[in-house]
Protein backbone atom coordinates (compact mmCIF):
# COMPACT_ATOMS: atom_id res chain seq x y z
CA MET A 1 101.11 95.13 109.54
CA VAL A 2 102.54 98.57 109.70
CA GLU A 3 104.84 99.54 112.50
CA LYS A 4 106.24 102.76 113.49
CA ILE A 5 109.69 102.51 115.61
CA CYS A 6 112.97 104.50 116.36
CA PHE A 7 116.35 102.99 116.38
CA ARG A 8 119.45 104.89 117.28
CA GLY A 9 121.83 106.29 115.14
CA GLU A 10 125.20 108.45 115.57
CA SER A 11 123.03 111.36 116.03
CA GLY A 12 120.01 110.11 117.77
CA ASN A 13 116.65 108.76 117.03
CA ILE A 14 116.27 106.98 113.40
CA ASP A 15 112.59 107.44 112.68
CA CYS A 16 111.29 104.46 110.75
CA VAL A 17 108.07 102.78 109.46
CA ILE A 18 108.25 98.97 109.04
CA GLU A 19 105.91 96.94 107.19
CA TRP A 20 105.22 93.26 107.23
CA PRO A 21 103.93 91.17 104.65
CA LEU A 22 100.68 89.00 105.25
CA ASP A 23 102.64 85.58 104.10
CA ASP A 24 105.91 83.96 104.53
CA ILE A 25 108.69 86.37 105.07
CA ILE A 26 111.66 85.69 102.51
CA GLY A 27 113.81 88.90 103.36
CA LEU A 28 113.93 92.43 104.14
CA ALA A 29 113.95 95.52 102.09
CA LEU A 30 115.64 98.84 103.20
CA VAL A 31 114.24 101.51 100.90
CA LEU A 32 116.03 104.99 101.02
CA HIS A 33 114.38 108.46 100.39
CA PRO A 34 115.82 111.34 98.44
CA HIS A 35 117.72 114.34 99.44
CA SER A 36 116.73 115.45 102.96
CA LEU A 37 117.38 119.28 102.33
CA TYR A 38 114.99 119.21 99.21
CA GLY A 39 111.77 117.84 100.83
CA GLY A 40 112.97 113.95 100.71
CA SER A 41 111.30 111.72 103.18
CA ARG A 42 110.29 108.17 103.77
CA ASP A 43 106.72 108.94 102.56
CA ASN A 44 107.95 110.17 98.94
CA LYS A 45 105.77 108.48 96.36
CA ILE A 46 108.64 106.43 94.64
CA ILE A 47 109.86 105.23 98.30
CA THR A 48 106.40 103.82 99.35
CA THR A 49 105.80 102.25 95.88
CA VAL A 50 109.17 100.33 95.73
CA ALA A 51 108.54 99.39 99.42
CA ARG A 52 104.73 98.31 98.80
CA GLU A 53 106.14 96.08 96.03
CA CYS A 54 108.59 94.50 98.30
CA VAL A 55 106.29 93.61 100.98
CA ASN A 56 103.90 92.20 98.09
CA LYS A 57 106.95 89.83 97.29
CA GLY A 58 107.03 88.91 100.83
CA MET A 59 109.93 91.14 102.16
CA VAL A 60 109.55 93.12 105.30
CA SER A 61 110.00 96.75 104.30
CA ILE A 62 111.97 99.39 106.17
CA ARG A 63 111.60 103.07 105.38
CA PRO A 64 113.71 105.27 107.63
CA ASN A 65 113.64 109.08 107.77
CA PHE A 66 117.27 110.42 107.39
CA ARG A 67 118.72 112.89 109.64
CA GLY A 68 116.52 115.83 110.59
CA VAL A 69 113.58 114.60 108.73
CA GLY A 70 110.42 113.85 110.64
CA GLU A 71 111.20 112.73 114.03
CA SER A 72 114.71 111.62 113.14
CA ASP A 73 117.48 113.55 115.04
CA GLY A 74 120.44 115.37 113.58
CA ILE A 75 121.35 117.23 110.62
CA PHE A 76 122.10 116.27 106.93
CA GLY A 77 125.34 114.24 106.87
CA ASN A 78 126.16 114.19 103.16
CA ALA A 79 125.63 110.62 102.84
CA ILE A 80 128.43 109.91 104.92
CA GLY A 81 126.19 110.31 108.20
CA GLU A 82 123.27 108.59 106.74
CA THR A 83 125.34 105.51 105.67
CA GLU A 84 126.53 105.27 109.41
CA ASP A 85 123.15 105.61 110.46
CA MET A 86 121.78 102.94 107.87
CA ILE A 87 124.49 100.31 109.27
CA ALA A 88 123.62 101.08 112.69
CA LEU A 89 119.90 100.37 112.08
CA LEU A 90 120.50 97.04 110.47
CA SER A 91 122.48 96.18 113.21
CA GLN A 92 119.50 96.95 115.63
CA ILE A 93 117.19 95.40 113.29
CA GLN A 94 119.24 92.12 113.85
CA ILE A 95 118.67 92.35 117.55
CA SER A 96 115.17 93.59 117.80
CA TYR A 97 113.78 90.84 115.18
CA PRO A 98 116.03 87.94 115.62
CA LYS A 99 113.82 86.26 113.04
CA LEU A 100 115.02 88.37 110.53
CA SER A 101 118.84 88.30 111.36
CA LYS A 102 119.82 85.66 108.99
CA LEU A 103 117.24 86.73 105.94
CA PRO A 104 118.76 88.27 102.87
CA ILE A 105 118.94 92.18 102.88
CA MET A 106 117.81 94.04 99.72
CA LEU A 107 118.82 97.83 99.60
CA ALA A 108 116.91 99.96 97.28
CA GLY A 109 116.96 103.90 97.23
CA PHE A 110 116.03 106.99 95.25
CA SER A 111 117.92 109.89 94.33
CA PHE A 112 120.26 110.51 97.04
CA GLY A 113 118.67 107.37 98.79
CA SER A 114 120.36 105.50 95.99
CA ALA A 115 123.98 106.89 96.77
CA VAL A 116 123.36 105.81 100.49
CA ALA A 117 121.96 102.21 99.60
CA ALA A 118 125.28 101.68 97.52
CA GLN A 119 127.58 102.90 100.41
CA VAL A 120 125.51 100.53 102.83
CA TYR A 121 126.23 97.78 100.44
CA SER A 122 129.67 98.42 99.60
CA SER A 123 130.46 98.90 103.54
CA LEU A 124 128.78 95.43 104.47
CA LEU A 125 129.69 93.50 101.36
CA ASP A 126 132.42 91.73 103.29
CA ASN A 127 131.03 91.59 106.63
CA ASP A 128 129.71 88.19 107.59
CA ASN A 129 127.21 89.42 109.87
CA TYR A 130 124.80 90.42 107.13
CA CYS A 131 123.16 88.60 104.37
CA LEU A 132 123.07 90.93 101.56
CA TYR A 133 120.88 90.09 98.43
CA LYS A 134 123.59 90.65 95.62
CA SER A 135 121.68 93.33 93.85
CA LEU A 136 120.21 96.93 94.39
CA ILE A 137 117.67 98.79 93.11
CA LEU A 138 118.77 102.48 92.28
CA ILE A 139 116.11 104.81 91.00
CA GLY A 140 117.15 108.22 89.52
CA SER A 141 120.46 107.57 90.60
CA ALA A 142 122.78 109.74 92.00
CA VAL A 143 125.19 107.50 93.60
CA HIS A 144 128.29 109.25 91.88
CA ARG A 145 127.50 112.36 93.27
CA PHE A 146 127.83 111.40 96.58
CA GLU A 147 130.76 108.51 96.33
CA PHE A 148 132.64 109.41 99.44
CA LYS A 149 134.25 105.90 99.15
CA LYS A 150 134.25 103.91 96.15
CA VAL A 151 131.19 101.48 95.75
CA SER A 152 130.77 98.07 94.33
CA LEU A 153 127.74 97.56 92.49
CA PRO A 154 126.52 94.13 91.82
CA GLU A 155 125.94 92.98 88.42
CA ASN A 156 122.45 92.14 88.68
CA SER A 157 121.25 95.46 89.90
CA LEU A 158 118.21 97.38 88.60
CA VAL A 159 118.97 100.79 87.42
CA ILE A 160 116.06 102.94 86.43
CA HIS A 161 116.45 106.37 85.04
CA GLY A 162 114.18 109.04 83.40
CA GLU A 163 115.07 110.00 79.75
CA ASP A 164 114.30 113.91 80.49
CA ASP A 165 115.76 113.85 84.29
CA GLU A 166 116.48 117.49 85.21
CA VAL A 167 118.18 116.82 88.54
CA VAL A 168 120.77 113.99 87.23
CA PRO A 169 120.54 114.06 83.54
CA PHE A 170 120.52 110.72 81.70
CA ASN A 171 123.87 111.20 79.91
CA GLU A 172 125.96 111.89 83.14
CA LEU A 173 124.52 109.05 84.70
CA LEU A 174 125.36 106.84 81.53
CA GLU A 175 129.02 108.22 81.61
CA TRP A 176 129.36 107.18 85.09
CA ILE A 177 127.80 103.76 84.82
CA ARG A 178 129.18 102.93 81.40
CA PRO A 179 132.55 101.58 82.65
CA LYS A 180 130.67 99.33 85.03
CA SER A 181 129.14 97.37 82.25
CA LEU A 182 125.80 98.08 84.00
CA PRO A 183 122.30 98.02 81.82
CA ILE A 184 120.03 101.17 82.61
CA VAL A 185 116.38 100.96 82.20
CA MET A 186 115.42 104.48 80.66
CA ILE A 187 111.87 105.55 80.57
CA PRO A 188 111.07 107.93 77.46
CA SER A 189 109.95 111.30 78.42
CA CYS A 190 110.12 110.90 82.29
CA THR A 191 111.53 113.26 84.82
CA HIS A 192 113.35 112.87 87.76
CA PHE A 193 110.50 112.37 89.97
CA PHE A 194 108.58 110.16 87.58
CA HIS A 195 105.41 112.31 87.10
CA GLY A 196 102.92 110.34 85.14
CA LYS A 197 105.33 107.58 84.98
CA LEU A 198 104.62 105.85 88.51
CA LEU A 199 102.55 102.89 87.37
CA ILE A 200 105.51 102.04 84.83
CA LEU A 201 108.06 102.09 87.53
CA ARG A 202 105.88 100.22 89.97
CA ARG A 203 105.52 97.47 86.84
CA LEU A 204 109.30 97.39 86.43
CA VAL A 205 109.98 96.99 90.13
CA ALA A 206 107.31 94.23 90.64
CA ASP A 207 108.65 92.38 87.37
CA TYR A 208 112.52 92.55 88.67
CA LEU A 209 111.03 90.98 92.21
CA SER A 210 109.18 88.22 90.61
CA ILE A 211 112.25 86.87 88.78
CA ASN A 212 115.02 87.87 91.28
CA VAL A 213 113.98 86.00 94.68
CA PRO A 214 116.06 87.56 97.41
CA SER A 215 119.15 85.26 98.44
CA CYS A 216 122.48 85.79 99.65
């Protein structure tokens, strides 16, 4: 079942699509899109691919449009505003869907969305009101470019990057992530938008979710 709904953020409406699995629900996944000023939206092919795999594994997927995208109000918030909005969204999800309130939350993002996912995770890590899955899915990661607060990256995170990424060069990501001792899954001859590599990306995410069952 697919549901379109608006929640309220700091700048007004947050336009969301929620997709429910057919069988038992084991968690929820907040999947965040790339940069709003460069055509990013919840309908990005990488975002829909990740969300679909989460649903296939029994999670409720939530795909919001950031500020100023689609029917979401406001203007681009340079990751700060978007982080505030996503925290507000998760709080309202708990109220609107009580049966989801105690389930583990998976945070995933592509490009700019990866930065917001990491900031949300770090902001809520010590908040007992949220059951965070101790992992992030970061694709074409730009976390370091929007790190307005120091982030905590769980060691079980899945980091996928293209060898030929022209937006966030692979070596740039490597230099940032090396001190964190996190592995990177590098796809050879792959650009930032994973042209021609979407099936590989889908398989990597599906395999990861098959092994890593959401838990707090």
